[in-house]
Amino acid sequence: MSKVWLITGGGSGFGRALTEAAVVAGDIVVAAARRTAPLDDLVAAHPDRVEALALDVTDGAAVEAAVRDVVGRHGRIDVLVNNAGRTHVGAAEETTEAELRDLFEVHVFGPAALVRAVLPHMRARRSGAIVQMSSMGGQMSFPGFSAYSGTKFALEGMSEALAAEVAPLGIDVLIVEPGAFRTGLFSGDPVSAPVEGSEDYEETVGPTRRMVAASDGTQPGDPAKAATAILRALDADRTPLRLPLGGDAVDAVLAHLDSVRADVTAWEKVSRDTLLGD
């Protein structure tokens, strides 16, 4: 039986690639986006398989209404993909409270609202999958990405607990951690305004700003191949909790885990000698 997908940020990047891959697999996709015009060609080419839905994931009432609408018309949502997002560059000191809160609305509170909305239907059917589009920046961070990684760390922490909660109910959770892929993530992205003394961050955050500006449109990763890998993981006998995508992501995640292990091991005795009575 064809699956019914609800994909946020469906108009471009990973969202569009997943929409196209799901259609090839014979499934039905409700592709949500703030602007639906970029989806017109897919809807026209596959009118029985692709629907465009105008949705701002930061609007809680709209999220609930959208899920009710999809379930009402299709009877179910088999796969939810929380993909809507953007990046942000700036030193932690430069990032304003408003900028940080806005990013959490898109990357954490929006996905959380969608998860809450779809879970009653998935629980009733004892099946379903939730795909959380994170980043290799959800496992480690870099100068200039404190806000972005902060949201992705939060998303991954929530998702790890969620996976344990819903696994007995037949629901899978997949956290996807891409590296550098040819999407629009770095095009027209917010950059925090400098604060007094920001030149002190030139050696650390400066290279990140320049990398983001220079790499837009030149990233090596192919979103179509990423979509194929995600579908393969969802169809596996055991869907992994985490799926890094791209050699850069795999290398970075493994190196980060080694670094964490080295720190914990080096300070293990001090850490353990903290019990009452020691």
Protein backbone atom coordinates (compact mmCIF):
# COMPACT_ATOMS: atom_id res chain seq x y z
CA MET A 1 0.00 0.00 0.00
CA SER A 2 1.25 3.49 -0.82
CA LYS A 3 2.55 5.52 2.09
CA VAL A 4 1.33 9.01 2.87
CA TRP A 5 4.14 11.48 3.60
CA LEU A 6 3.95 14.94 5.18
CA ILE A 7 7.18 16.79 4.41
CA THR A 8 7.89 20.31 5.66
CA GLY A 9 10.22 22.54 3.68
CA GLY A 10 9.10 20.52 0.68
CA GLY A 11 9.79 23.13 -1.96
CA SER A 12 13.56 22.86 -2.14
CA GLY A 13 16.67 21.02 -1.00
CA PHE A 14 16.17 17.81 0.93
CA GLY A 15 12.40 18.35 1.10
CA ARG A 16 12.01 18.43 -2.65
CA ALA A 17 14.43 15.53 -3.13
CA LEU A 18 12.47 13.42 -0.65
CA THR A 19 9.21 14.37 -2.34
CA GLU A 20 10.55 13.22 -5.70
CA ALA A 21 11.97 9.99 -4.25
CA ALA A 22 8.72 9.12 -2.47
CA VAL A 23 6.74 9.69 -5.68
CA VAL A 24 9.08 7.35 -7.58
CA ALA A 25 8.45 4.78 -4.84
CA GLY A 26 4.71 5.06 -5.57
CA ASP A 27 3.80 7.04 -2.48
CA ILE A 28 1.67 10.12 -1.87
CA VAL A 29 3.32 13.30 -0.62
CA VAL A 30 1.83 16.36 1.00
CA ALA A 31 4.69 18.82 0.61
CA ALA A 32 4.39 21.77 2.98
CA ALA A 33 6.16 25.08 2.55
CA ARG A 34 5.64 28.71 3.40
CA ARG A 35 5.63 29.43 -0.34
CA THR A 36 4.11 26.70 -2.49
CA ALA A 37 4.95 28.13 -5.94
CA PRO A 38 8.23 26.13 -6.20
CA LEU A 39 6.09 22.98 -5.97
CA ASP A 40 3.84 23.85 -8.91
CA ASP A 41 5.82 21.75 -11.39
CA LEU A 42 5.75 18.65 -9.19
CA VAL A 43 2.03 19.01 -8.55
CA ALA A 44 1.39 19.43 -12.28
CA ALA A 45 3.55 16.41 -13.15
CA HIS A 46 2.07 14.17 -10.43
CA PRO A 47 -1.40 15.52 -9.59
CA ASP A 48 -2.44 12.23 -8.02
CA ARG A 49 0.75 11.90 -5.96
CA VAL A 50 1.87 15.38 -4.87
CA GLU A 51 -0.08 18.03 -3.01
CA ALA A 52 1.27 21.44 -2.02
CA LEU A 53 0.30 22.79 1.38
CA ALA A 54 0.99 26.32 2.57
CA LEU A 55 2.31 26.02 6.12
CA ASP A 56 4.46 28.01 8.52
CA VAL A 57 5.73 25.46 11.04
CA THR A 58 6.03 28.17 13.71
CA ASP A 59 2.22 28.61 13.66
CA GLY A 60 0.95 26.01 16.13
CA ALA A 61 -2.71 26.34 15.18
CA ALA A 62 -1.86 25.99 11.48
CA VAL A 63 0.21 22.87 12.22
CA GLU A 64 -2.69 21.18 14.00
CA ALA A 65 -5.11 22.17 11.23
CA ALA A 66 -2.75 20.87 8.55
CA VAL A 67 -2.40 17.46 10.20
CA ARG A 68 -6.18 17.20 10.68
CA ASP A 69 -6.66 18.06 7.02
CA VAL A 70 -4.17 15.48 5.74
CA VAL A 71 -5.49 12.73 7.98
CA GLY A 72 -9.06 13.66 7.10
CA ARG A 73 -8.42 13.36 3.37
CA HIS A 74 -5.96 10.45 3.32
CA GLY A 75 -6.87 8.60 6.48
CA ARG A 76 -3.33 8.57 7.86
CA ILE A 77 0.19 9.99 7.84
CA ASP A 78 2.76 7.22 7.52
CA VAL A 79 5.88 9.37 7.42
CA LEU A 80 6.43 12.83 8.92
CA VAL A 81 9.58 14.63 7.78
CA ASN A 82 10.53 17.68 9.82
CA ASN A 83 12.76 19.35 7.25
CA ALA A 84 11.86 23.06 7.30
CA GLY A 85 14.80 25.13 8.46
CA ARG A 86 17.52 27.65 7.80
CA THR A 87 21.01 28.40 9.02
CA HIS A 88 22.42 31.23 11.07
CA VAL A 89 25.97 32.53 11.41
CA GLY A 90 27.32 34.63 14.22
CA ALA A 91 29.38 34.46 17.37
CA ALA A 92 27.40 33.58 20.49
CA GLU A 93 27.90 37.13 21.78
CA GLU A 94 26.67 38.61 18.50
CA THR A 95 23.53 36.48 18.31
CA THR A 96 20.56 38.37 19.71
CA GLU A 97 17.87 36.82 21.87
CA ALA A 98 15.33 37.40 19.10
CA GLU A 99 17.53 35.63 16.54
CA LEU A 100 18.06 32.69 18.87
CA ARG A 101 14.39 32.39 19.75
CA ASP A 102 13.36 32.60 16.09
CA LEU A 103 15.73 29.77 15.19
CA PHE A 104 14.41 27.59 18.02
CA GLU A 105 10.85 28.24 16.79
CA VAL A 106 11.73 26.83 13.37
CA HIS A 107 14.03 23.96 14.37
CA VAL A 108 12.61 22.83 17.73
CA PHE A 109 9.15 24.11 18.59
CA GLY A 110 7.78 23.65 15.06
CA PRO A 111 8.93 20.02 14.77
CA ALA A 112 7.72 19.34 18.32
CA ALA A 113 4.26 20.64 17.41
CA LEU A 114 4.13 18.46 14.32
CA VAL A 115 5.24 15.40 16.30
CA ARG A 116 2.52 16.03 18.89
CA ALA A 117 -0.07 16.41 16.14
CA VAL A 118 0.76 13.21 14.23
CA LEU A 119 1.50 10.86 17.11
CA PRO A 120 -2.10 10.18 18.18
CA HIS A 121 -2.83 8.92 14.66
CA MET A 122 0.37 6.87 14.45
CA ARG A 123 -0.23 5.40 17.91
CA ALA A 124 -3.75 4.38 16.94
CA ARG A 125 -2.40 2.50 13.92
CA ARG A 126 0.70 1.19 15.73
CA SER A 127 2.87 2.24 12.80
CA GLY A 128 4.63 5.24 11.33
CA ALA A 129 7.97 6.96 11.00
CA ILE A 130 9.24 10.40 12.02
CA VAL A 131 12.27 11.78 10.20
CA GLN A 132 14.06 14.64 11.95
CA MET A 133 16.36 16.52 9.59
CA SER A 134 19.24 17.57 11.80
CA SER A 135 22.85 18.12 10.72
CA MET A 136 26.35 16.97 11.52
CA GLY A 137 26.09 20.20 13.55
CA GLY A 138 23.64 18.34 15.77
CA GLN A 139 26.52 16.23 17.06
CA MET A 140 29.26 18.86 17.29
CA SER A 141 29.60 22.58 16.71
CA PHE A 142 31.96 25.13 15.21
CA PRO A 143 32.70 28.84 15.75
CA GLY A 144 29.84 30.90 14.38
CA PHE A 145 27.28 28.10 14.56
CA SER A 146 26.39 28.22 18.25
CA ALA A 147 22.75 29.16 17.59
CA TYR A 148 22.27 26.73 14.72
CA SER A 149 23.89 23.82 16.52
CA GLY A 150 22.07 24.71 19.73
CA THR A 151 18.77 24.09 17.97
CA LYS A 152 19.97 20.89 16.34
CA PHE A 153 21.37 19.56 19.64
CA ALA A 154 17.95 20.22 21.17
CA LEU A 155 16.16 18.49 18.31
CA GLU A 156 18.41 15.45 18.62
CA GLY A 157 17.99 15.23 22.40
CA MET A 158 14.22 15.34 22.07
CA SER A 159 14.30 12.82 19.25
CA GLU A 160 16.46 10.34 21.14
CA ALA A 161 13.95 10.26 24.00
CA LEU A 162 11.06 10.19 21.55
CA ALA A 163 12.50 7.17 19.77
CA ALA A 164 12.61 5.20 23.02
CA GLU A 165 9.06 6.25 23.89
CA VAL A 166 7.43 5.25 20.62
CA ALA A 167 9.49 2.21 19.59
CA PRO A 168 7.19 -0.19 21.49
CA LEU A 169 4.28 1.34 19.58
CA GLY A 170 5.69 0.40 16.17
CA ILE A 171 6.87 3.92 15.33
CA ASP A 172 10.40 4.62 14.06
CA VAL A 173 12.40 7.81 14.60
CA LEU A 174 15.26 8.63 12.24
CA ILE A 175 17.64 11.54 12.90
CA VAL A 176 19.39 12.58 9.67
CA GLU A 177 22.73 14.39 9.99
CA PRO A 178 23.87 15.73 6.60
CA GLY A 179 27.20 17.33 5.91
CA ALA A 180 27.67 19.75 3.00
CA PHE A 181 24.95 19.16 0.40
CA ARG A 182 23.97 21.20 -2.63
CA THR A 183 20.87 22.79 -1.10
CA GLY A 184 19.87 26.40 -0.54
CA LEU A 185 20.85 26.33 3.14
CA PHE A 186 23.65 28.87 2.69
CA SER A 187 21.83 31.20 0.29
CA GLY A 188 20.57 34.45 1.76
CA ASP A 189 20.97 33.23 5.33
CA PRO A 190 20.82 35.46 8.41
CA VAL A 191 24.13 36.70 9.78
CA SER A 192 24.27 38.39 13.16
CA ALA A 193 25.33 42.02 13.19
CA PRO A 194 28.75 42.66 14.71
CA VAL A 195 28.90 43.94 18.28
CA GLU A 196 31.54 46.22 19.74
CA GLY A 197 34.81 44.34 19.74
CA SER A 198 33.68 41.74 17.20
CA GLU A 199 37.10 41.90 15.61
CA ASP A 200 38.17 39.65 18.49
CA TYR A 201 36.23 36.86 16.77
CA GLU A 202 37.81 37.32 13.36
CA GLU A 203 40.21 34.41 13.78
CA THR A 204 37.44 32.03 14.90
CA VAL A 205 34.12 33.11 13.39
CA GLY A 206 35.62 34.89 10.37
CA PRO A 207 36.54 31.67 8.53
CA THR A 208 33.02 30.34 9.10
CA ARG A 209 31.45 33.45 7.60
CA ARG A 210 33.71 33.19 4.56
CA MET A 211 33.09 29.45 4.17
CA VAL A 212 29.32 29.95 4.16
CA ALA A 213 29.57 32.74 1.58
CA ALA A 214 31.99 30.86 -0.68
CA SER A 215 30.47 27.38 -0.57
CA ASP A 216 26.89 28.18 -1.53
CA GLY A 217 26.16 26.21 -4.69
CA THR A 218 29.45 24.31 -4.60
CA GLN A 219 28.73 21.74 -1.87
CA PRO A 220 29.63 18.18 -2.94
CA GLY A 221 26.61 16.34 -1.54
CA ASP A 222 23.75 15.29 -3.84
CA PRO A 223 20.29 15.76 -2.23
CA ALA A 224 18.80 13.07 -4.51
CA LYS A 225 21.30 10.50 -3.22
CA ALA A 226 20.59 11.65 0.32
CA ALA A 227 16.87 11.04 -0.25
CA THR A 228 17.61 7.55 -1.55
CA ALA A 229 19.65 6.81 1.57
CA ILE A 230 16.85 8.05 3.84
CA LEU A 231 14.26 5.87 2.12
CA ARG A 232 16.63 2.93 2.38
CA ALA A 233 17.03 3.51 6.12
CA LEU A 234 13.28 3.75 6.62
CA ASP A 235 12.74 0.50 4.72
CA ALA A 236 15.43 -1.39 6.64
CA ASP A 237 14.53 -4.18 9.06
CA ARG A 238 15.94 -1.94 11.79
CA THR A 239 15.84 1.77 11.07
CA PRO A 240 18.89 3.43 12.67
CA LEU A 241 18.40 6.22 15.16
CA ARG A 242 21.03 8.37 13.46
CA LEU A 243 22.09 8.57 9.82
CA PRO A 244 25.03 10.85 9.00
CA LEU A 245 25.07 11.66 5.29
CA GLY A 246 28.20 12.45 3.30
CA GLY A 247 31.79 11.48 3.91
CA ASP A 248 32.42 14.78 5.67
CA ALA A 249 29.62 14.10 8.13
CA VAL A 250 30.74 10.53 8.80
CA ASP A 251 34.34 11.64 9.38
CA ALA A 252 33.34 14.56 11.59
CA VAL A 253 30.94 12.54 13.74
CA LEU A 254 33.45 9.74 14.25
CA ALA A 255 36.23 12.21 15.09
CA HIS A 256 33.95 13.99 17.55
CA LEU A 257 33.05 10.73 19.28
CA ASP A 258 36.75 9.93 19.58
CA SER A 259 37.37 13.37 21.08
CA VAL A 260 34.59 12.95 23.62
CA ARG A 261 35.89 9.51 24.58
CA ALA A 262 39.42 10.90 24.99
CA ASP A 263 38.23 13.66 27.34
CA VAL A 264 36.08 11.32 29.41
CA THR A 265 38.85 8.75 29.68
CA ALA A 266 41.51 11.33 30.60
CA TRP A 267 39.35 12.68 33.44
CA GLU A 268 37.62 9.45 34.37
CA LYS A 269 39.22 9.10 37.82
CA VAL A 270 38.44 12.69 38.78
CA SER A 271 34.90 12.29 37.50
CA ARG A 272 34.30 9.09 39.43
CA ASP A 273 35.79 10.42 42.67
CA THR A 274 32.81 12.69 43.34
CA LEU A 275 30.54 10.40 45.36
CA LEU A 276 29.54 11.12 48.93
CA GLY A 277 31.98 9.42 51.26
CA ASP A 278 34.83 9.25 48.75
